[in-house]
Amino acid sequence: MIKVLITDDHPVVRRGIRQILEDDDSIEKVEEAGKGKELIDKLREEKFDVILLDISLPGGNGLDFIGQIKKIQPSAAVLMLSIYSEELYAIKALKFGASGYLTKTSAPEELLTAVHKVSKGERYISISLADKLADDLLTKSDKLVFQSISAREMDVLILLAAGKTFTQIATELSLSPKTISTYRERLLIKLRLKTTSELIRYAIMQSLSKKPDYNDLQ
């Protein structure tokens, strides 16, 4: 029997995932957390087999919590469940210690398959991601340059492309404008660009110019 903890800051999303899981007889218990602190508190109170973890959470990027989860419950499997495409975060999530990655547009059957697989200590990689990985190994292209970009740098890149100022980004991410400027400089170096305008154009070309709308999921 599998115990699952869903961590997502959108109640509607949590409710939908919970319904899918509770329809499966092998899922013994489903708990919810709406933010990072609540996630950590629940992990200290109770043991879980699978942690469903969103990328975007109040109080920190979901990737940053993988290490904390592993420290508290080393045997728990982390399955990332995000609105962001696999190309942006999947490989980085696996490197951080996640056991699998799914987008929120995945079919309920795929979600259940992934939960069952990671609960057994295995990894879950979708067919589409496996194809991307194989293609990248064969072509040695630069299309997975995102692997070199940290989770926080990606947040800054997305918000810059959305037209946010350094001050607005700093407020949204609870950081200082100087820190945002540092992230910008790192992005310029990693992406071999020279100006903020070039960063914005790059982000638009990669379809990062706007944050996902969760209303699209309803």
N, C-alpha and C. Protein backbone atom coordinates (compact mmCIF):
# COMPACT_ATOMS: atom_id res chain seq x y z
N MET A 1 0.83 -1.19 0.00
CA MET A 1 0.00 0.00 0.00
C MET A 1 0.87 1.25 0.00
N ILE A 2 0.47 2.26 -0.76
CA ILE A 2 1.30 3.43 -0.99
C ILE A 2 0.72 4.67 -0.29
N LYS A 3 1.59 5.41 0.39
CA LYS A 3 1.20 6.67 1.02
C LYS A 3 1.81 7.82 0.21
N VAL A 4 0.95 8.75 -0.19
CA VAL A 4 1.37 9.83 -1.09
C VAL A 4 1.12 11.19 -0.44
N LEU A 5 2.09 12.10 -0.63
CA LEU A 5 1.92 13.49 -0.18
C LEU A 5 1.96 14.40 -1.40
N ILE A 6 0.86 15.08 -1.68
CA ILE A 6 0.77 16.02 -2.80
C ILE A 6 1.18 17.40 -2.33
N THR A 7 2.16 18.01 -3.00
CA THR A 7 2.59 19.36 -2.63
C THR A 7 2.41 20.29 -3.82
N ASP A 8 1.42 21.15 -3.71
CA ASP A 8 1.08 22.09 -4.78
C ASP A 8 0.32 23.25 -4.16
N ASP A 9 0.59 24.47 -4.61
CA ASP A 9 -0.05 25.63 -3.97
C ASP A 9 -1.42 25.96 -4.55
N HIS A 10 -1.92 25.15 -5.46
CA HIS A 10 -3.25 25.38 -6.04
C HIS A 10 -4.23 24.31 -5.54
N PRO A 11 -5.19 24.69 -4.70
CA PRO A 11 -6.15 23.73 -4.13
C PRO A 11 -6.91 22.92 -5.19
N VAL A 12 -7.27 23.56 -6.30
CA VAL A 12 -8.01 22.85 -7.35
C VAL A 12 -7.16 21.74 -7.95
N VAL A 13 -5.88 22.02 -8.16
CA VAL A 13 -4.97 21.02 -8.70
C VAL A 13 -4.81 19.87 -7.71
N ARG A 14 -4.61 20.19 -6.44
CA ARG A 14 -4.45 19.15 -5.41
C ARG A 14 -5.69 18.26 -5.35
N ARG A 15 -6.85 18.90 -5.42
CA ARG A 15 -8.10 18.13 -5.32
C ARG A 15 -8.25 17.16 -6.51
N GLY A 16 -7.90 17.64 -7.70
CA GLY A 16 -7.99 16.78 -8.87
C GLY A 16 -7.04 15.59 -8.80
N ILE A 17 -5.80 15.84 -8.38
CA ILE A 17 -4.81 14.78 -8.26
C ILE A 17 -5.25 13.78 -7.19
N ARG A 18 -5.77 14.31 -6.10
CA ARG A 18 -6.21 13.45 -4.99
C ARG A 18 -7.31 12.49 -5.44
N GLN A 19 -8.25 12.99 -6.21
CA GLN A 19 -9.34 12.14 -6.69
C GLN A 19 -8.82 11.00 -7.55
N ILE A 20 -7.83 11.32 -8.40
CA ILE A 20 -7.23 10.29 -9.25
C ILE A 20 -6.57 9.22 -8.40
N LEU A 21 -5.80 9.65 -7.41
CA LEU A 21 -5.07 8.70 -6.57
C LEU A 21 -6.00 7.86 -5.70
N GLU A 22 -7.02 8.48 -5.14
CA GLU A 22 -7.90 7.75 -4.23
C GLU A 22 -8.78 6.74 -4.94
N ASP A 23 -8.88 6.82 -6.25
CA ASP A 23 -9.63 5.82 -7.02
C ASP A 23 -8.82 4.54 -7.22
N ASP A 24 -7.54 4.58 -6.87
CA ASP A 24 -6.66 3.43 -7.00
C ASP A 24 -6.60 2.68 -5.67
N ASP A 25 -6.96 1.40 -5.69
CA ASP A 25 -7.04 0.61 -4.46
C ASP A 25 -5.69 0.44 -3.76
N SER A 26 -4.60 0.59 -4.51
CA SER A 26 -3.28 0.38 -3.90
C SER A 26 -2.75 1.63 -3.21
N ILE A 27 -3.47 2.75 -3.36
CA ILE A 27 -3.09 3.98 -2.67
C ILE A 27 -3.77 3.98 -1.30
N GLU A 28 -2.99 3.79 -0.25
CA GLU A 28 -3.54 3.67 1.10
C GLU A 28 -3.95 5.02 1.68
N LYS A 29 -3.15 6.05 1.45
CA LYS A 29 -3.41 7.34 2.07
C LYS A 29 -2.88 8.47 1.19
N VAL A 30 -3.62 9.58 1.15
CA VAL A 30 -3.19 10.76 0.40
C VAL A 30 -3.29 11.98 1.31
N GLU A 31 -2.18 12.69 1.45
CA GLU A 31 -2.15 13.92 2.23
C GLU A 31 -1.77 15.08 1.31
N GLU A 32 -2.03 16.31 1.77
CA GLU A 32 -1.75 17.49 0.95
C GLU A 32 -0.92 18.53 1.70
N ALA A 33 -0.12 19.27 0.93
CA ALA A 33 0.63 20.42 1.46
C ALA A 33 0.55 21.52 0.42
N GLY A 34 0.33 22.76 0.89
CA GLY A 34 0.17 23.87 -0.04
C GLY A 34 1.41 24.71 -0.23
N LYS A 35 2.43 24.51 0.61
CA LYS A 35 3.67 25.28 0.48
C LYS A 35 4.82 24.51 1.10
N GLY A 36 6.03 25.02 0.90
CA GLY A 36 7.21 24.30 1.32
C GLY A 36 7.27 23.99 2.80
N LYS A 37 6.94 24.96 3.64
CA LYS A 37 7.01 24.74 5.08
C LYS A 37 6.05 23.66 5.52
N GLU A 38 4.86 23.67 4.93
CA GLU A 38 3.86 22.65 5.27
C GLU A 38 4.35 21.27 4.84
N LEU A 39 5.02 21.21 3.70
CA LEU A 39 5.61 19.96 3.22
C LEU A 39 6.60 19.41 4.24
N ILE A 40 7.53 20.25 4.67
CA ILE A 40 8.56 19.81 5.62
C ILE A 40 7.94 19.38 6.94
N ASP A 41 6.96 20.13 7.41
CA ASP A 41 6.29 19.78 8.67
C ASP A 41 5.63 18.40 8.59
N LYS A 42 4.96 18.13 7.48
CA LYS A 42 4.28 16.85 7.32
C LYS A 42 5.28 15.69 7.23
N LEU A 43 6.42 15.95 6.58
CA LEU A 43 7.44 14.91 6.46
C LEU A 43 8.02 14.54 7.82
N ARG A 44 8.07 15.51 8.71
CA ARG A 44 8.59 15.26 10.06
C ARG A 44 7.58 14.55 10.95
N GLU A 45 6.31 14.61 10.54
CA GLU A 45 5.25 14.00 11.34
C GLU A 45 4.90 12.59 10.89
N GLU A 46 5.06 12.32 9.60
CA GLU A 46 4.57 11.04 9.06
C GLU A 46 5.44 10.58 7.88
N LYS A 47 5.54 9.28 7.71
CA LYS A 47 6.34 8.72 6.63
C LYS A 47 5.49 8.53 5.37
N PHE A 48 6.08 8.89 4.21
CA PHE A 48 5.39 8.73 2.93
C PHE A 48 6.27 7.94 1.96
N ASP A 49 5.60 7.28 1.01
CA ASP A 49 6.32 6.52 -0.01
C ASP A 49 6.65 7.38 -1.22
N VAL A 50 5.71 8.26 -1.58
CA VAL A 50 5.88 9.10 -2.77
C VAL A 50 5.50 10.54 -2.43
N ILE A 51 6.34 11.48 -2.85
CA ILE A 51 6.05 12.90 -2.71
C ILE A 51 5.82 13.47 -4.10
N LEU A 52 4.60 13.91 -4.38
CA LEU A 52 4.32 14.60 -5.63
C LEU A 52 4.63 16.07 -5.40
N LEU A 53 5.59 16.61 -6.15
CA LEU A 53 6.12 17.93 -5.86
C LEU A 53 6.06 18.85 -7.07
N ASP A 54 5.43 20.02 -6.89
CA ASP A 54 5.36 21.01 -7.96
C ASP A 54 6.67 21.79 -8.02
N ILE A 55 6.99 22.32 -9.20
CA ILE A 55 8.20 23.13 -9.36
C ILE A 55 8.04 24.48 -8.65
N SER A 56 6.89 25.12 -8.85
CA SER A 56 6.68 26.47 -8.34
C SER A 56 5.91 26.43 -7.02
N LEU A 57 6.59 26.82 -5.93
CA LEU A 57 5.97 26.79 -4.61
C LEU A 57 6.24 28.08 -3.85
N PRO A 58 5.30 28.53 -3.02
CA PRO A 58 5.58 29.69 -2.16
C PRO A 58 6.72 29.33 -1.20
N GLY A 59 7.68 30.20 -1.07
CA GLY A 59 8.77 29.95 -0.14
C GLY A 59 9.94 29.21 -0.74
N GLY A 60 9.93 28.99 -2.06
CA GLY A 60 11.08 28.33 -2.67
C GLY A 60 10.71 27.53 -3.90
N ASN A 61 11.70 27.30 -4.74
CA ASN A 61 11.51 26.48 -5.92
C ASN A 61 11.43 25.00 -5.51
N GLY A 62 10.53 24.26 -6.14
CA GLY A 62 10.36 22.86 -5.79
C GLY A 62 11.64 22.05 -5.84
N LEU A 63 12.51 22.37 -6.80
CA LEU A 63 13.77 21.65 -6.91
C LEU A 63 14.62 21.81 -5.65
N ASP A 64 14.51 22.97 -5.01
CA ASP A 64 15.30 23.23 -3.81
C ASP A 64 14.86 22.36 -2.64
N PHE A 65 13.64 21.84 -2.69
CA PHE A 65 13.13 21.04 -1.59
C PHE A 65 13.49 19.56 -1.71
N ILE A 66 13.96 19.13 -2.88
CA ILE A 66 14.28 17.71 -3.06
C ILE A 66 15.32 17.26 -2.05
N GLY A 67 16.39 18.06 -1.90
CA GLY A 67 17.43 17.70 -0.95
C GLY A 67 16.93 17.63 0.47
N GLN A 68 16.05 18.56 0.86
CA GLN A 68 15.49 18.55 2.21
C GLN A 68 14.63 17.31 2.43
N ILE A 69 13.86 16.95 1.41
CA ILE A 69 13.01 15.75 1.51
C ILE A 69 13.87 14.51 1.74
N LYS A 70 14.96 14.41 1.00
CA LYS A 70 15.84 13.25 1.09
C LYS A 70 16.55 13.17 2.44
N LYS A 71 16.81 14.33 3.05
CA LYS A 71 17.44 14.33 4.37
C LYS A 71 16.48 13.83 5.44
N ILE A 72 15.21 14.22 5.32
CA ILE A 72 14.21 13.84 6.32
C ILE A 72 13.72 12.41 6.10
N GLN A 73 13.44 12.08 4.82
CA GLN A 73 12.95 10.74 4.49
C GLN A 73 13.72 10.21 3.27
N PRO A 74 14.89 9.64 3.49
CA PRO A 74 15.74 9.17 2.38
C PRO A 74 15.07 8.17 1.46
N SER A 75 14.15 7.37 1.99
CA SER A 75 13.53 6.32 1.18
C SER A 75 12.34 6.83 0.35
N ALA A 76 11.88 8.05 0.62
CA ALA A 76 10.73 8.59 -0.11
C ALA A 76 11.12 8.91 -1.56
N ALA A 77 10.26 8.58 -2.49
CA ALA A 77 10.49 8.89 -3.90
C ALA A 77 9.83 10.22 -4.23
N VAL A 78 10.58 11.08 -4.91
CA VAL A 78 10.05 12.39 -5.31
C VAL A 78 9.67 12.34 -6.78
N LEU A 79 8.39 12.60 -7.06
CA LEU A 79 7.90 12.65 -8.43
C LEU A 79 7.48 14.08 -8.72
N MET A 80 8.24 14.76 -9.59
CA MET A 80 7.92 16.14 -9.93
C MET A 80 6.69 16.16 -10.84
N LEU A 81 5.76 17.04 -10.55
CA LEU A 81 4.54 17.17 -11.34
C LEU A 81 4.35 18.66 -11.61
N SER A 82 4.63 19.07 -12.86
CA SER A 82 4.71 20.50 -13.14
C SER A 82 4.00 20.88 -14.43
N ILE A 83 3.63 22.17 -14.52
CA ILE A 83 3.06 22.70 -15.75
C ILE A 83 4.15 22.94 -16.79
N TYR A 84 5.41 23.04 -16.33
CA TYR A 84 6.51 23.31 -17.25
C TYR A 84 6.88 22.06 -18.05
N SER A 85 7.28 22.27 -19.30
CA SER A 85 7.60 21.15 -20.17
C SER A 85 8.82 20.39 -19.67
N GLU A 86 8.94 19.15 -20.10
CA GLU A 86 10.05 18.30 -19.69
C GLU A 86 11.39 18.89 -20.09
N GLU A 87 11.45 19.54 -21.23
CA GLU A 87 12.71 20.08 -21.73
C GLU A 87 13.31 21.10 -20.76
N LEU A 88 12.46 21.79 -20.01
CA LEU A 88 12.94 22.85 -19.12
C LEU A 88 13.51 22.31 -17.81
N TYR A 89 12.85 21.32 -17.22
CA TYR A 89 13.21 20.95 -15.86
C TYR A 89 13.46 19.46 -15.61
N ALA A 90 13.03 18.57 -16.47
CA ALA A 90 13.07 17.14 -16.16
C ALA A 90 14.46 16.63 -15.83
N ILE A 91 15.42 16.93 -16.69
CA ILE A 91 16.77 16.42 -16.48
C ILE A 91 17.37 17.00 -15.21
N LYS A 92 17.15 18.29 -14.98
CA LYS A 92 17.67 18.92 -13.77
C LYS A 92 17.02 18.29 -12.53
N ALA A 93 15.72 18.02 -12.59
CA ALA A 93 15.03 17.40 -11.45
C ALA A 93 15.62 16.03 -11.13
N LEU A 94 15.89 15.24 -12.16
CA LEU A 94 16.48 13.92 -11.95
C LEU A 94 17.88 14.03 -11.34
N LYS A 95 18.64 15.01 -11.78
CA LYS A 95 19.97 15.22 -11.22
C LYS A 95 19.91 15.65 -9.77
N PHE A 96 18.87 16.38 -9.40
CA PHE A 96 18.70 16.84 -8.03
C PHE A 96 18.26 15.72 -7.10
N GLY A 97 17.82 14.59 -7.67
CA GLY A 97 17.42 13.46 -6.84
C GLY A 97 15.99 13.00 -7.00
N ALA A 98 15.24 13.63 -7.92
CA ALA A 98 13.87 13.19 -8.17
C ALA A 98 13.88 11.82 -8.86
N SER A 99 12.81 11.06 -8.65
CA SER A 99 12.70 9.74 -9.27
C SER A 99 11.95 9.78 -10.59
N GLY A 100 11.30 10.92 -10.87
CA GLY A 100 10.56 11.03 -12.12
C GLY A 100 10.02 12.43 -12.32
N TYR A 101 9.49 12.66 -13.52
CA TYR A 101 8.97 13.99 -13.86
C TYR A 101 7.77 13.82 -14.79
N LEU A 102 6.68 14.50 -14.45
CA LEU A 102 5.48 14.49 -15.29
C LEU A 102 4.97 15.91 -15.43
N THR A 103 4.37 16.21 -16.59
CA THR A 103 3.69 17.49 -16.74
C THR A 103 2.24 17.30 -16.29
N LYS A 104 1.60 18.39 -15.90
CA LYS A 104 0.22 18.32 -15.41
C LYS A 104 -0.79 18.07 -16.51
N THR A 105 -0.32 18.03 -17.74
CA THR A 105 -1.21 17.68 -18.85
C THR A 105 -1.21 16.17 -19.10
N SER A 106 -0.43 15.42 -18.31
CA SER A 106 -0.37 13.97 -18.48
C SER A 106 -1.72 13.33 -18.15
N ALA A 107 -1.98 12.20 -18.77
CA ALA A 107 -3.23 11.47 -18.51
C ALA A 107 -3.20 10.87 -17.11
N PRO A 108 -4.38 10.72 -16.48
CA PRO A 108 -4.45 10.13 -15.14
C PRO A 108 -3.77 8.76 -15.07
N GLU A 109 -3.91 7.98 -16.14
CA GLU A 109 -3.29 6.65 -16.17
C GLU A 109 -1.78 6.74 -16.08
N GLU A 110 -1.19 7.75 -16.73
CA GLU A 110 0.26 7.92 -16.70
C GLU A 110 0.72 8.33 -15.30
N LEU A 111 -0.07 9.18 -14.64
CA LEU A 111 0.25 9.58 -13.28
C LEU A 111 0.29 8.37 -12.35
N LEU A 112 -0.72 7.51 -12.45
CA LEU A 112 -0.77 6.33 -11.60
C LEU A 112 0.39 5.38 -11.90
N THR A 113 0.70 5.23 -13.18
CA THR A 113 1.84 4.38 -13.57
C THR A 113 3.13 4.90 -12.95
N ALA A 114 3.32 6.22 -13.03
CA ALA A 114 4.53 6.83 -12.48
C ALA A 114 4.60 6.65 -10.97
N VAL A 115 3.49 6.87 -10.27
CA VAL A 115 3.46 6.73 -8.81
C VAL A 115 3.82 5.31 -8.41
N HIS A 116 3.24 4.32 -9.09
CA HIS A 116 3.53 2.92 -8.77
C HIS A 116 5.00 2.59 -9.02
N LYS A 117 5.54 3.11 -10.10
CA LYS A 117 6.91 2.78 -10.46
C LYS A 117 7.91 3.37 -9.49
N VAL A 118 7.77 4.66 -9.17
CA VAL A 118 8.73 5.29 -8.26
C VAL A 118 8.59 4.76 -6.84
N SER A 119 7.38 4.31 -6.47
CA SER A 119 7.18 3.77 -5.13
C SER A 119 7.96 2.47 -4.92
N LYS A 120 8.37 1.84 -6.02
CA LYS A 120 9.14 0.59 -5.96
C LYS A 120 10.65 0.86 -6.03
N GLY A 121 11.01 2.14 -6.02
CA GLY A 121 12.42 2.49 -6.07
C GLY A 121 12.97 2.64 -7.48
N GLU A 122 12.08 2.63 -8.47
CA GLU A 122 12.49 2.78 -9.86
C GLU A 122 12.33 4.23 -10.31
N ARG A 123 12.88 4.55 -11.48
CA ARG A 123 12.71 5.88 -12.05
C ARG A 123 11.59 5.86 -13.09
N TYR A 124 10.92 7.00 -13.24
CA TYR A 124 9.91 7.11 -14.28
C TYR A 124 10.29 8.22 -15.25
N ILE A 125 10.46 7.84 -16.51
CA ILE A 125 10.74 8.80 -17.57
C ILE A 125 9.75 8.53 -18.70
N SER A 126 9.05 9.56 -19.13
CA SER A 126 8.06 9.39 -20.20
C SER A 126 8.73 9.02 -21.51
N ILE A 127 7.95 8.47 -22.41
CA ILE A 127 8.48 8.09 -23.73
C ILE A 127 9.00 9.32 -24.45
N SER A 128 8.27 10.44 -24.34
CA SER A 128 8.68 11.65 -25.04
C SER A 128 10.02 12.16 -24.52
N LEU A 129 10.24 12.08 -23.19
CA LEU A 129 11.51 12.54 -22.63
C LEU A 129 12.63 11.59 -23.03
N ALA A 130 12.35 10.30 -23.03
CA ALA A 130 13.36 9.32 -23.45
C ALA A 130 13.80 9.59 -24.89
N ASP A 131 12.83 9.94 -25.74
CA ASP A 131 13.16 10.26 -27.13
C ASP A 131 14.04 11.50 -27.21
N LYS A 132 13.73 12.52 -26.38
CA LYS A 132 14.52 13.75 -26.38
C LYS A 132 15.96 13.48 -25.93
N LEU A 133 16.09 12.63 -24.91
CA LEU A 133 17.42 12.30 -24.40
C LEU A 133 18.23 11.55 -25.44
N ALA A 134 17.58 10.59 -26.10
CA ALA A 134 18.28 9.82 -27.13
C ALA A 134 18.69 10.72 -28.28
N ASP A 135 17.80 11.60 -28.69
CA ASP A 135 18.09 12.51 -29.79
C ASP A 135 19.24 13.44 -29.44
N ASP A 136 19.27 13.90 -28.20
CA ASP A 136 20.34 14.80 -27.78
C ASP A 136 21.69 14.10 -27.77
N LEU A 137 21.71 12.84 -27.35
CA LEU A 137 22.96 12.09 -27.34
C LEU A 137 23.49 11.87 -28.75
N LEU A 138 22.56 11.70 -29.69
CA LEU A 138 22.95 11.44 -31.07
C LEU A 138 23.42 12.70 -31.79
N THR A 139 22.74 13.81 -31.54
CA THR A 139 23.05 15.03 -32.27
C THR A 139 24.05 15.94 -31.56
N LYS A 140 24.19 15.75 -30.23
CA LYS A 140 25.09 16.61 -29.43
C LYS A 140 24.78 18.09 -29.68
N SER A 141 23.47 18.40 -29.77
CA SER A 141 23.07 19.79 -30.02
C SER A 141 23.06 20.60 -28.74
N ASP A 142 22.76 21.90 -28.86
CA ASP A 142 22.72 22.79 -27.71
C ASP A 142 21.31 22.98 -27.18
N LYS A 143 20.37 22.17 -27.64
CA LYS A 143 18.98 22.45 -27.28
C LYS A 143 18.69 22.21 -25.80
N LEU A 144 19.54 21.47 -25.09
CA LEU A 144 19.32 21.27 -23.67
C LEU A 144 20.26 22.14 -22.84
N VAL A 145 20.48 23.35 -23.35
CA VAL A 145 21.33 24.30 -22.63
C VAL A 145 20.75 24.63 -21.27
N PHE A 146 19.45 24.39 -21.08
CA PHE A 146 18.79 24.67 -19.82
C PHE A 146 19.40 23.87 -18.66
N GLN A 147 20.09 22.79 -18.98
CA GLN A 147 20.69 21.98 -17.93
C GLN A 147 21.69 22.78 -17.10
N SER A 148 22.31 23.78 -17.72
CA SER A 148 23.32 24.57 -17.02
C SER A 148 22.72 25.73 -16.22
N ILE A 149 21.42 25.95 -16.39
CA ILE A 149 20.75 27.07 -15.73
C ILE A 149 20.09 26.58 -14.45
N SER A 150 20.35 27.28 -13.35
CA SER A 150 19.75 26.88 -12.07
C SER A 150 18.25 27.19 -12.07
N ALA A 151 17.56 26.60 -11.11
CA ALA A 151 16.11 26.81 -11.00
C ALA A 151 15.79 28.29 -10.79
N ARG A 152 16.56 28.96 -9.93
CA ARG A 152 16.30 30.37 -9.67
C ARG A 152 16.63 31.24 -10.88
N GLU A 153 17.69 30.89 -11.61
CA GLU A 153 18.02 31.62 -12.84
C GLU A 153 16.90 31.49 -13.86
N MET A 154 16.29 30.31 -13.91
CA MET A 154 15.17 30.10 -14.83
C MET A 154 13.99 30.99 -14.43
N ASP A 155 13.74 31.10 -13.13
CA ASP A 155 12.66 31.97 -12.66
C ASP A 155 12.90 33.41 -13.11
N VAL A 156 14.14 33.88 -12.96
CA VAL A 156 14.49 35.25 -13.35
C VAL A 156 14.33 35.43 -14.85
N LEU A 157 14.75 34.45 -15.63
CA LEU A 157 14.65 34.53 -17.08
C LEU A 157 13.19 34.64 -17.53
N ILE A 158 12.33 33.83 -16.92
CA ILE A 158 10.90 33.85 -17.28
C ILE A 158 10.28 35.21 -16.94
N LEU A 159 10.63 35.74 -15.78
CA LEU A 159 10.04 37.02 -15.36
C LEU A 159 10.60 38.19 -16.16
N LEU A 160 11.86 38.13 -16.55
CA LEU A 160 12.41 39.16 -17.43
C LEU A 160 11.67 39.16 -18.76
N ALA A 161 11.43 37.97 -19.28
CA ALA A 161 10.73 37.85 -20.56
C ALA A 161 9.29 38.32 -20.46
N ALA A 162 8.73 38.27 -19.25
CA ALA A 162 7.36 38.73 -19.03
C ALA A 162 7.28 40.25 -18.87
N GLY A 163 8.45 40.92 -18.97
CA GLY A 163 8.47 42.37 -18.90
C GLY A 163 8.62 42.95 -17.51
N LYS A 164 8.98 42.10 -16.54
CA LYS A 164 9.14 42.57 -15.17
C LYS A 164 10.47 43.32 -15.00
N THR A 165 10.47 44.34 -14.16
CA THR A 165 11.70 45.05 -13.82
C THR A 165 12.46 44.28 -12.75
N PHE A 166 13.73 44.66 -12.51
CA PHE A 166 14.52 43.99 -11.48
C PHE A 166 13.81 44.10 -10.12
N THR A 167 13.26 45.27 -9.84
CA THR A 167 12.58 45.48 -8.56
C THR A 167 11.35 44.59 -8.44
N GLN A 168 10.57 44.48 -9.50
CA GLN A 168 9.37 43.64 -9.48
C GLN A 168 9.74 42.17 -9.31
N ILE A 169 10.78 41.75 -10.01
CA ILE A 169 11.23 40.36 -9.91
C ILE A 169 11.73 40.08 -8.49
N ALA A 170 12.49 41.03 -7.96
CA ALA A 170 13.01 40.87 -6.60
C ALA A 170 11.88 40.71 -5.59
N THR A 171 10.83 41.50 -5.75
CA THR A 171 9.67 41.41 -4.85
C THR A 171 8.98 40.07 -4.99
N GLU A 172 8.77 39.63 -6.22
CA GLU A 172 8.06 38.37 -6.46
C GLU A 172 8.83 37.17 -5.93
N LEU A 173 10.17 37.21 -6.04
CA LEU A 173 10.99 36.08 -5.61
C LEU A 173 11.55 36.25 -4.20
N SER A 174 11.18 37.34 -3.54
CA SER A 174 11.66 37.63 -2.18
C SER A 174 13.19 37.71 -2.13
N LEU A 175 13.76 38.40 -3.11
CA LEU A 175 15.20 38.60 -3.19
C LEU A 175 15.48 40.09 -3.35
N SER A 176 16.75 40.48 -3.32
CA SER A 176 17.11 41.88 -3.52
C SER A 176 17.35 42.15 -5.00
N PRO A 177 17.13 43.40 -5.45
CA PRO A 177 17.41 43.75 -6.85
C PRO A 177 18.86 43.43 -7.24
N LYS A 178 19.80 43.59 -6.30
CA LYS A 178 21.20 43.29 -6.59
C LYS A 178 21.38 41.80 -6.90
N THR A 179 20.67 40.95 -6.16
CA THR A 179 20.74 39.51 -6.41
C THR A 179 20.17 39.17 -7.79
N ILE A 180 19.08 39.84 -8.15
CA ILE A 180 18.48 39.62 -9.46
C ILE A 180 19.47 40.02 -10.56
N SER A 181 20.18 41.11 -10.34
CA SER A 181 21.18 41.56 -11.30
C SER A 181 22.29 40.51 -11.46
N THR A 182 22.66 39.89 -10.34
CA THR A 182 23.68 38.84 -10.39
C THR A 182 23.20 37.65 -11.21
N TYR A 183 21.94 37.26 -11.00
CA TYR A 183 21.38 36.15 -11.78
C TYR A 183 21.37 36.51 -13.27
N ARG A 184 21.05 37.76 -13.58
CA ARG A 184 21.04 38.21 -14.97
C ARG A 184 22.43 38.05 -15.59
N GLU A 185 23.46 38.45 -14.86
CA GLU A 185 24.83 38.33 -15.36
C GLU A 185 25.20 36.88 -15.61
N ARG A 186 24.79 36.00 -14.71
CA ARG A 186 25.08 34.57 -14.89
C ARG A 186 24.39 34.02 -16.13
N LEU A 187 23.14 34.46 -16.34
CA LEU A 187 22.40 34.01 -17.52
C LEU A 187 23.09 34.47 -18.81
N LEU A 188 23.54 35.70 -18.81
CA LEU A 188 24.23 36.23 -20.00
C LEU A 188 25.47 35.40 -20.32
N ILE A 189 26.21 35.03 -19.28
CA ILE A 189 27.43 34.23 -19.49
C ILE A 189 27.09 32.84 -19.99
N LYS A 190 26.12 32.17 -19.33
CA LYS A 190 25.78 30.80 -19.69
C LYS A 190 25.17 30.69 -21.08
N LEU A 191 24.38 31.71 -21.45
CA LEU A 191 23.70 31.67 -22.75
C LEU A 191 24.49 32.40 -23.84
N ARG A 192 25.66 32.92 -23.45
CA ARG A 192 26.54 33.61 -24.40
C ARG A 192 25.82 34.78 -25.08
N LEU A 193 25.16 35.57 -24.25
CA LEU A 193 24.45 36.75 -24.74
C LEU A 193 25.07 37.99 -24.10
N LYS A 194 24.67 39.18 -24.59
CA LYS A 194 25.32 40.41 -24.13
C LYS A 194 24.39 41.37 -23.40
N THR A 195 23.11 41.38 -23.73
CA THR A 195 22.20 42.36 -23.15
C THR A 195 20.92 41.72 -22.64
N THR A 196 20.18 42.48 -21.84
CA THR A 196 18.89 42.02 -21.34
C THR A 196 17.92 41.80 -22.50
N SER A 197 17.99 42.66 -23.50
CA SER A 197 17.12 42.52 -24.68
C SER A 197 17.35 41.18 -25.37
N GLU A 198 18.63 40.77 -25.45
CA GLU A 198 18.92 39.48 -26.06
C GLU A 198 18.40 38.33 -25.21
N LEU A 199 18.46 38.50 -23.89
CA LEU A 199 17.90 37.49 -22.99
C LEU A 199 16.40 37.33 -23.21
N ILE A 200 15.72 38.47 -23.33
CA ILE A 200 14.27 38.45 -23.54
C ILE A 200 13.92 37.78 -24.86
N ARG A 201 14.65 38.13 -25.93
CA ARG A 201 14.40 37.51 -27.23
C ARG A 201 14.63 36.00 -27.17
N TYR A 202 15.69 35.62 -26.48
CA TYR A 202 15.99 34.19 -26.34
C TYR A 202 14.85 33.47 -25.62
N ALA A 203 14.38 34.08 -24.52
CA ALA A 203 13.30 33.46 -23.74
C ALA A 203 12.03 33.32 -24.57
N ILE A 204 11.72 34.35 -25.36
CA ILE A 204 10.53 34.30 -26.21
C ILE A 204 10.65 33.19 -27.24
N MET A 205 11.83 33.04 -27.82
CA MET A 205 12.06 31.97 -28.80
C MET A 205 11.90 30.58 -28.18
N GLN A 206 12.18 30.49 -26.86
CA GLN A 206 12.05 29.21 -26.16
C GLN A 206 10.68 29.06 -25.50
N SER A 207 9.74 29.96 -25.85
CA SER A 207 8.37 29.92 -25.31
C SER A 207 8.34 30.10 -23.79
N LEU A 208 9.22 30.97 -23.29
CA LEU A 208 9.26 31.24 -21.86
C LEU A 208 8.71 32.62 -21.52
N SER A 209 8.10 33.27 -22.49
CA SER A 209 7.74 34.68 -22.31
C SER A 209 6.56 34.90 -21.39
N LYS A 210 5.87 33.84 -20.98
CA LYS A 210 4.76 34.05 -20.06
C LYS A 210 4.62 32.87 -19.13
N LYS A 211 4.28 33.14 -17.90
CA LYS A 211 4.09 32.08 -16.93
C LYS A 211 2.81 31.32 -17.24
N PRO A 212 2.74 30.03 -16.90
CA PRO A 212 1.55 29.25 -17.20
C PRO A 212 0.32 29.74 -16.46
N ASP A 213 -0.82 29.61 -17.11
CA ASP A 213 -2.10 29.99 -16.51
C ASP A 213 -2.79 28.74 -16.01
N TYR A 214 -2.95 28.61 -14.68
CA TYR A 214 -3.54 27.41 -14.13
C TYR A 214 -5.00 27.27 -14.46
N ASN A 215 -5.64 28.32 -14.93
CA ASN A 215 -7.02 28.20 -15.36
C ASN A 215 -7.14 27.27 -16.57
N ASP A 216 -6.02 27.13 -17.31
CA ASP A 216 -6.03 26.26 -18.47
C ASP A 216 -6.19 24.80 -18.05
N LEU A 217 -5.90 24.49 -16.78
CA LEU A 217 -5.97 23.12 -16.32
C LEU A 217 -7.36 22.72 -15.88
N GLN A 218 -8.22 23.69 -15.70
CA GLN A 218 -9.54 23.39 -15.14
C GLN A 218 -10.53 23.00 -16.24
